Amino acid sequence: MRSEELNINQQDMSIDSQEVESGKVKIIILDGVNGKAKITEAVEHGFTIIETAKGKVAKLKYEEGELF
């Protein structure tokens, strides 16, 4: 699994801070419907897709390619 669950402070519904990592693009998904938060790294060449259904996060899709 590429994504990691983030801890949510239940009192104020905030997440712990995340550091910017040189050379990486990271995506934080905040799901207020289910009270969850996840972080994932974007693919180097391609698409990182957050799919929703009925207003909720349903899937994370990764479509990768390679430069020729």
PDB file of N, CA and C in Angstrom:
ATOM      1  N   MET A   1       0.843  -1.173   0.000  1.00  0.00           N
ATOM      2  CA  MET A   1       0.000   0.000   0.000  1.00  0.00           C
ATOM      3  C   MET A   1       0.891   1.239   0.000  1.00  0.00           C
ATOM      4  N   ARG A   2       0.595   2.162  -0.865  1.00  0.00           N
ATOM      5  CA  ARG A   2       1.423   3.348  -1.004  1.00  0.00           C
ATOM      6  C   ARG A   2       1.053   4.453  -0.028  1.00  0.00           C
ATOM      7  N   SER A   3      -0.188   4.469   0.429  1.00  0.00           N
ATOM      8  CA  SER A   3      -0.608   5.557   1.308  1.00  0.00           C
ATOM      9  C   SER A   3      -0.442   5.158   2.768  1.00  0.00           C
ATOM     10  N   GLU A   4      -0.279   6.177   3.597  1.00  0.00           N
ATOM     11  CA  GLU A   4      -0.137   5.953   5.031  1.00  0.00           C
ATOM     12  C   GLU A   4      -1.227   6.725   5.761  1.00  0.00           C
ATOM     13  N   GLU A   5      -1.768   6.107   6.795  1.00  0.00           N
ATOM     14  CA  GLU A   5      -2.760   6.774   7.634  1.00  0.00           C
ATOM     15  C   GLU A   5      -2.054   7.816   8.494  1.00  0.00           C
ATOM     16  N   LEU A   6      -2.643   8.989   8.621  1.00  0.00           N
ATOM     17  CA  LEU A   6      -2.117  10.034   9.496  1.00  0.00           C
ATOM     18  C   LEU A   6      -2.958  10.092  10.758  1.00  0.00           C
ATOM     19  N   ASN A   7      -2.325  10.395  11.885  1.00  0.00           N
ATOM     20  CA  ASN A   7      -3.051  10.521  13.146  1.00  0.00           C
ATOM     21  C   ASN A   7      -3.826  11.837  13.172  1.00  0.00           C
ATOM     22  N   ILE A   8      -5.063  11.764  13.616  1.00  0.00           N
ATOM     23  CA  ILE A   8      -5.926  12.941  13.722  1.00  0.00           C
ATOM     24  C   ILE A   8      -6.135  13.257  15.192  1.00  0.00           C
ATOM     25  N   ASN A   9      -5.934  14.525  15.555  1.00  0.00           N
ATOM     26  CA  ASN A   9      -6.235  14.986  16.897  1.00  0.00           C
ATOM     27  C   ASN A   9      -7.754  15.091  16.988  1.00  0.00           C
ATOM     28  N   GLN A  10      -8.387  14.243  17.797  1.00  0.00           N
ATOM     29  CA  GLN A  10      -9.848  14.186  17.859  1.00  0.00           C
ATOM     30  C   GLN A  10     -10.471  15.430  18.488  1.00  0.00           C
ATOM     31  N   GLN A  11      -9.703  16.175  19.270  1.00  0.00           N
ATOM     32  CA  GLN A  11     -10.257  17.373  19.922  1.00  0.00           C
ATOM     33  C   GLN A  11     -10.521  18.492  18.924  1.00  0.00           C
ATOM     34  N   ASP A  12      -9.551  18.762  18.061  1.00  0.00           N
ATOM     35  CA  ASP A  12      -9.730  19.864  17.103  1.00  0.00           C
ATOM     36  C   ASP A  12      -9.708  19.397  15.652  1.00  0.00           C
ATOM     37  N   MET A  13      -9.731  18.077  15.426  1.00  0.00           N
ATOM     38  CA  MET A  13      -9.754  17.463  14.091  1.00  0.00           C
ATOM     39  C   MET A  13      -8.611  17.962  13.206  1.00  0.00           C
ATOM     40  N   SER A  14      -7.423  18.116  13.775  1.00  0.00           N
ATOM     41  CA  SER A  14      -6.243  18.530  13.008  1.00  0.00           C
ATOM     42  C   SER A  14      -5.294  17.348  12.885  1.00  0.00           C
ATOM     43  N   ILE A  15      -4.320  17.459  11.967  1.00  0.00           N
ATOM     44  CA  ILE A  15      -3.312  16.419  11.803  1.00  0.00           C
ATOM     45  C   ILE A  15      -1.962  16.961  12.221  1.00  0.00           C
ATOM     46  N   ASP A  16      -1.055  16.044  12.524  1.00  0.00           N
ATOM     47  CA  ASP A  16       0.319  16.435  12.833  1.00  0.00           C
ATOM     48  C   ASP A  16       0.942  17.040  11.592  1.00  0.00           C
ATOM     49  N   SER A  17       1.848  17.980  11.790  1.00  0.00           N
ATOM     50  CA  SER A  17       2.488  18.627  10.644  1.00  0.00           C
ATOM     51  C   SER A  17       3.365  17.633   9.889  1.00  0.00           C
ATOM     52  N   GLN A  18       3.489  17.850   8.598  1.00  0.00           N
ATOM     53  CA  GLN A  18       4.315  17.024   7.728  1.00  0.00           C
ATOM     54  C   GLN A  18       5.432  17.891   7.170  1.00  0.00           C
ATOM     55  N   GLU A  19       6.626  17.332   7.097  1.00  0.00           N
ATOM     56  CA  GLU A  19       7.754  18.072   6.556  1.00  0.00           C
ATOM     57  C   GLU A  19       7.805  17.943   5.036  1.00  0.00           C
ATOM     58  N   VAL A  20       8.252  19.012   4.392  1.00  0.00           N
ATOM     59  CA  VAL A  20       8.468  18.970   2.948  1.00  0.00           C
ATOM     60  C   VAL A  20       9.764  18.207   2.711  1.00  0.00           C
ATOM     61  N   GLU A  21       9.700  17.206   1.841  1.00  0.00           N
ATOM     62  CA  GLU A  21      10.860  16.368   1.550  1.00  0.00           C
ATOM     63  C   GLU A  21      11.404  16.754   0.179  1.00  0.00           C
ATOM     64  N   SER A  22      12.652  17.136   0.128  1.00  0.00           N
ATOM     65  CA  SER A  22      13.274  17.593  -1.109  1.00  0.00           C
ATOM     66  C   SER A  22      13.169  16.529  -2.200  1.00  0.00           C
ATOM     67  N   GLY A  23      12.742  16.955  -3.397  1.00  0.00           N
ATOM     68  CA  GLY A  23      12.661  16.044  -4.539  1.00  0.00           C
ATOM     69  C   GLY A  23      11.422  15.177  -4.578  1.00  0.00           C
ATOM     70  N   LYS A  24      10.471  15.365  -3.655  1.00  0.00           N
ATOM     71  CA  LYS A  24       9.264  14.535  -3.602  1.00  0.00           C
ATOM     72  C   LYS A  24       8.023  15.416  -3.657  1.00  0.00           C
ATOM     73  N   VAL A  25       6.977  14.905  -4.290  1.00  0.00           N
ATOM     74  CA  VAL A  25       5.669  15.546  -4.265  1.00  0.00           C
ATOM     75  C   VAL A  25       4.760  14.619  -3.464  1.00  0.00           C
ATOM     76  N   LYS A  26       4.197  15.146  -2.377  1.00  0.00           N
ATOM     77  CA  LYS A  26       3.311  14.343  -1.528  1.00  0.00           C
ATOM     78  C   LYS A  26       1.934  14.958  -1.519  1.00  0.00           C
ATOM     79  N   ILE A  27       0.931  14.105  -1.401  1.00  0.00           N
ATOM     80  CA  ILE A  27      -0.458  14.512  -1.402  1.00  0.00           C
ATOM     81  C   ILE A  27      -1.074  14.123  -0.064  1.00  0.00           C
ATOM     82  N   ILE A  28      -1.711  15.083   0.592  1.00  0.00           N
ATOM     83  CA  ILE A  28      -2.416  14.810   1.843  1.00  0.00           C
ATOM     84  C   ILE A  28      -3.911  14.844   1.543  1.00  0.00           C
ATOM     85  N   ILE A  29      -4.614  13.774   1.918  1.00  0.00           N
ATOM     86  CA  ILE A  29      -6.050  13.675   1.701  1.00  0.00           C
ATOM     87  C   ILE A  29      -6.723  13.788   3.065  1.00  0.00           C
ATOM     88  N   LEU A  30      -7.569  14.805   3.212  1.00  0.00           N
ATOM     89  CA  LEU A  30      -8.313  15.021   4.450  1.00  0.00           C
ATOM     90  C   LEU A  30      -9.769  14.655   4.189  1.00  0.00           C
ATOM     91  N   ASP A  31     -10.225  13.577   4.792  1.00  0.00           N
ATOM     92  CA  ASP A  31     -11.584  13.079   4.588  1.00  0.00           C
ATOM     93  C   ASP A  31     -12.422  13.428   5.811  1.00  0.00           C
ATOM     94  N   GLY A  32     -13.151  14.532   5.731  1.00  0.00           N
ATOM     95  CA  GLY A  32     -13.986  14.973   6.847  1.00  0.00           C
ATOM     96  C   GLY A  32     -15.243  14.149   7.016  1.00  0.00           C
ATOM     97  N   VAL A  33     -15.631  13.386   6.005  1.00  0.00           N
ATOM     98  CA  VAL A  33     -16.818  12.537   6.099  1.00  0.00           C
ATOM     99  C   VAL A  33     -16.531  11.345   7.008  1.00  0.00           C
ATOM    100  N   ASN A  34     -15.410  10.664   6.775  1.00  0.00           N
ATOM    101  CA  ASN A  34     -15.044   9.483   7.561  1.00  0.00           C
ATOM    102  C   ASN A  34     -14.081   9.793   8.699  1.00  0.00           C
ATOM    103  N   GLY A  35     -13.642  11.052   8.813  1.00  0.00           N
ATOM    104  CA  GLY A  35     -12.716  11.428   9.889  1.00  0.00           C
ATOM    105  C   GLY A  35     -11.355  10.781   9.740  1.00  0.00           C
ATOM    106  N   LYS A  36     -10.872  10.676   8.496  1.00  0.00           N
ATOM    107  CA  LYS A  36      -9.573  10.051   8.230  1.00  0.00           C
ATOM    108  C   LYS A  36      -8.671  11.018   7.482  1.00  0.00           C
ATOM    109  N   ALA A  37      -7.381  10.776   7.578  1.00  0.00           N
ATOM    110  CA  ALA A  37      -6.393  11.532   6.809  1.00  0.00           C
ATOM    111  C   ALA A  37      -5.326  10.558   6.348  1.00  0.00           C
ATOM    112  N   LYS A  38      -4.897  10.717   5.096  1.00  0.00           N
ATOM    113  CA  LYS A  38      -3.838   9.869   4.538  1.00  0.00           C
ATOM    114  C   LYS A  38      -2.851  10.740   3.789  1.00  0.00           C
ATOM    115  N   ILE A  39      -1.649  10.218   3.647  1.00  0.00           N
ATOM    116  CA  ILE A  39      -0.619  10.877   2.846  1.00  0.00           C
ATOM    117  C   ILE A  39      -0.082   9.852   1.856  1.00  0.00           C
ATOM    118  N   THR A  40       0.190  10.306   0.645  1.00  0.00           N
ATOM    119  CA  THR A  40       0.735   9.429  -0.384  1.00  0.00           C
ATOM    120  C   THR A  40       1.703  10.223  -1.248  1.00  0.00           C
ATOM    121  N   GLU A  41       2.602   9.540  -1.882  1.00  0.00           N
ATOM    122  CA  GLU A  41       3.558  10.185  -2.764  1.00  0.00           C
ATOM    123  C   GLU A  41       3.033  10.133  -4.195  1.00  0.00           C
ATOM    124  N   ALA A  42       3.090  11.263  -4.895  1.00  0.00           N
ATOM    125  CA  ALA A  42       2.665  11.305  -6.296  1.00  0.00           C
ATOM    126  C   ALA A  42       3.656  10.502  -7.140  1.00  0.00           C
ATOM    127  N   VAL A  43       3.157   9.907  -8.228  1.00  0.00           N
ATOM    128  CA  VAL A  43       4.036   9.159  -9.122  1.00  0.00           C
ATOM    129  C   VAL A  43       4.968  10.131  -9.834  1.00  0.00           C
ATOM    130  N   GLU A  44       6.134   9.647 -10.233  1.00  0.00           N
ATOM    131  CA  GLU A  44       7.130  10.512 -10.864  1.00  0.00           C
ATOM    132  C   GLU A  44       6.691  10.964 -12.257  1.00  0.00           C
ATOM    133  N   HIS A  45       6.142  10.043 -13.045  1.00  0.00           N
ATOM    134  CA  HIS A  45       5.629  10.349 -14.390  1.00  0.00           C
ATOM    135  C   HIS A  45       4.269   9.680 -14.517  1.00  0.00           C
ATOM    136  N   GLY A  46       3.207  10.465 -14.545  1.00  0.00           N
ATOM    137  CA  GLY A  46       1.886   9.878 -14.686  1.00  0.00           C
ATOM    138  C   GLY A  46       0.845  10.616 -13.875  1.00  0.00           C
ATOM    139  N   PHE A  47      -0.139   9.848 -13.396  1.00  0.00           N
ATOM    140  CA  PHE A  47      -1.268  10.418 -12.683  1.00  0.00           C
ATOM    141  C   PHE A  47      -1.421   9.775 -11.316  1.00  0.00           C
ATOM    142  N   THR A  48      -1.743  10.579 -10.330  1.00  0.00           N
ATOM    143  CA  THR A  48      -2.194  10.096  -9.025  1.00  0.00           C
ATOM    144  C   THR A  48      -3.618  10.613  -8.902  1.00  0.00           C
ATOM    145  N   ILE A  49      -4.581   9.703  -8.891  1.00  0.00           N
ATOM    146  CA  ILE A  49      -5.991  10.072  -8.970  1.00  0.00           C
ATOM    147  C   ILE A  49      -6.688   9.736  -7.652  1.00  0.00           C
ATOM    148  N   ILE A  50      -7.431  10.719  -7.135  1.00  0.00           N
ATOM    149  CA  ILE A  50      -8.260  10.498  -5.956  1.00  0.00           C
ATOM    150  C   ILE A  50      -9.686  10.342  -6.463  1.00  0.00           C
ATOM    151  N   GLU A  51     -10.227   9.143  -6.331  1.00  0.00           N
ATOM    152  CA  GLU A  51     -11.573   8.858  -6.829  1.00  0.00           C
ATOM    153  C   GLU A  51     -12.563   8.947  -5.673  1.00  0.00           C
ATOM    154  N   THR A  52     -13.668   9.642  -5.908  1.00  0.00           N
ATOM    155  CA  THR A  52     -14.693   9.767  -4.884  1.00  0.00           C
ATOM    156  C   THR A  52     -15.992   9.124  -5.362  1.00  0.00           C
ATOM    157  N   ALA A  53     -16.829   8.751  -4.390  1.00  0.00           N
ATOM    158  CA  ALA A  53     -18.153   8.202  -4.684  1.00  0.00           C
ATOM    159  C   ALA A  53     -19.093   8.664  -3.578  1.00  0.00           C
ATOM    160  N   LYS A  54     -20.195   9.286  -3.963  1.00  0.00           N
ATOM    161  CA  LYS A  54     -21.193   9.791  -3.017  1.00  0.00           C
ATOM    162  C   LYS A  54     -20.575  10.720  -1.979  1.00  0.00           C
ATOM    163  N   GLY A  55     -19.622  11.553  -2.426  1.00  0.00           N
ATOM    164  CA  GLY A  55     -19.011  12.538  -1.545  1.00  0.00           C
ATOM    165  C   GLY A  55     -17.951  12.003  -0.601  1.00  0.00           C
ATOM    166  N   LYS A  56     -17.562  10.745  -0.782  1.00  0.00           N
ATOM    167  CA  LYS A  56     -16.553  10.122   0.082  1.00  0.00           C
ATOM    168  C   LYS A  56     -15.363   9.679  -0.763  1.00  0.00           C
ATOM    169  N   VAL A  57     -14.184   9.623  -0.147  1.00  0.00           N
ATOM    170  CA  VAL A  57     -13.007   9.098  -0.839  1.00  0.00           C
ATOM    171  C   VAL A  57     -13.199   7.599  -1.005  1.00  0.00           C
ATOM    172  N   ALA A  58     -13.097   7.111  -2.245  1.00  0.00           N
ATOM    173  CA  ALA A  58     -13.326   5.697  -2.525  1.00  0.00           C
ATOM    174  C   ALA A  58     -12.024   4.963  -2.852  1.00  0.00           C
ATOM    175  N   LYS A  59     -11.182   5.567  -3.716  1.00  0.00           N
ATOM    176  CA  LYS A  59      -9.963   4.885  -4.170  1.00  0.00           C
ATOM    177  C   LYS A  59      -8.870   5.892  -4.451  1.00  0.00           C
ATOM    178  N   LEU A  60      -7.640   5.417  -4.365  1.00  0.00           N
ATOM    179  CA  LEU A  60      -6.482   6.135  -4.880  1.00  0.00           C
ATOM    180  C   LEU A  60      -5.954   5.300  -6.032  1.00  0.00           C
ATOM    181  N   LYS A  61      -5.783   5.934  -7.194  1.00  0.00           N
ATOM    182  CA  LYS A  61      -5.271   5.220  -8.366  1.00  0.00           C
ATOM    183  C   LYS A  61      -3.938   5.831  -8.773  1.00  0.00           C
ATOM    184  N   TYR A  62      -3.044   4.977  -9.184  1.00  0.00           N
ATOM    185  CA  TYR A  62      -1.726   5.404  -9.631  1.00  0.00           C
ATOM    186  C   TYR A  62      -1.524   4.905 -11.052  1.00  0.00           C
ATOM    187  N   GLU A  63      -1.358   5.818 -11.995  1.00  0.00           N
ATOM    188  CA  GLU A  63      -1.072   5.458 -13.381  1.00  0.00           C
ATOM    189  C   GLU A  63       0.326   5.983 -13.691  1.00  0.00           C
ATOM    190  N   GLU A  64       1.248   5.059 -13.882  1.00  0.00           N
ATOM    191  CA  GLU A  64       2.640   5.447 -14.101  1.00  0.00           C
ATOM    192  C   GLU A  64       3.075   5.198 -15.526  1.00  0.00           C
ATOM    193  N   GLY A  65       3.977   6.016 -15.973  1.00  0.00           N
ATOM    194  CA  GLY A  65       4.581   5.846 -17.278  1.00  0.00           C
ATOM    195  C   GLY A  65       6.084   6.009 -17.150  1.00  0.00           C
ATOM    196  N   GLU A  66       6.746   5.834 -18.248  1.00  0.00           N
ATOM    197  CA  GLU A  66       8.199   5.978 -18.250  1.00  0.00           C
ATOM    198  C   GLU A  66       8.583   6.836 -19.455  1.00  0.00           C
ATOM    199  N   LEU A  67       9.430   7.825 -19.228  1.00  0.00           N
ATOM    200  CA  LEU A  67       9.885   8.650 -20.328  1.00  0.00           C
ATOM    201  C   LEU A  67      10.829   7.848 -21.200  1.00  0.00           C
ATOM    202  N   PHE A  68      10.721   8.029 -22.515  1.00  0.00           N
ATOM    203  CA  PHE A  68      11.552   7.264 -23.446  1.00  0.00           C
ATOM    204  C   PHE A  68      12.669   8.126 -23.949  1.00  0.00           C
TER     205      PHE A  68
END
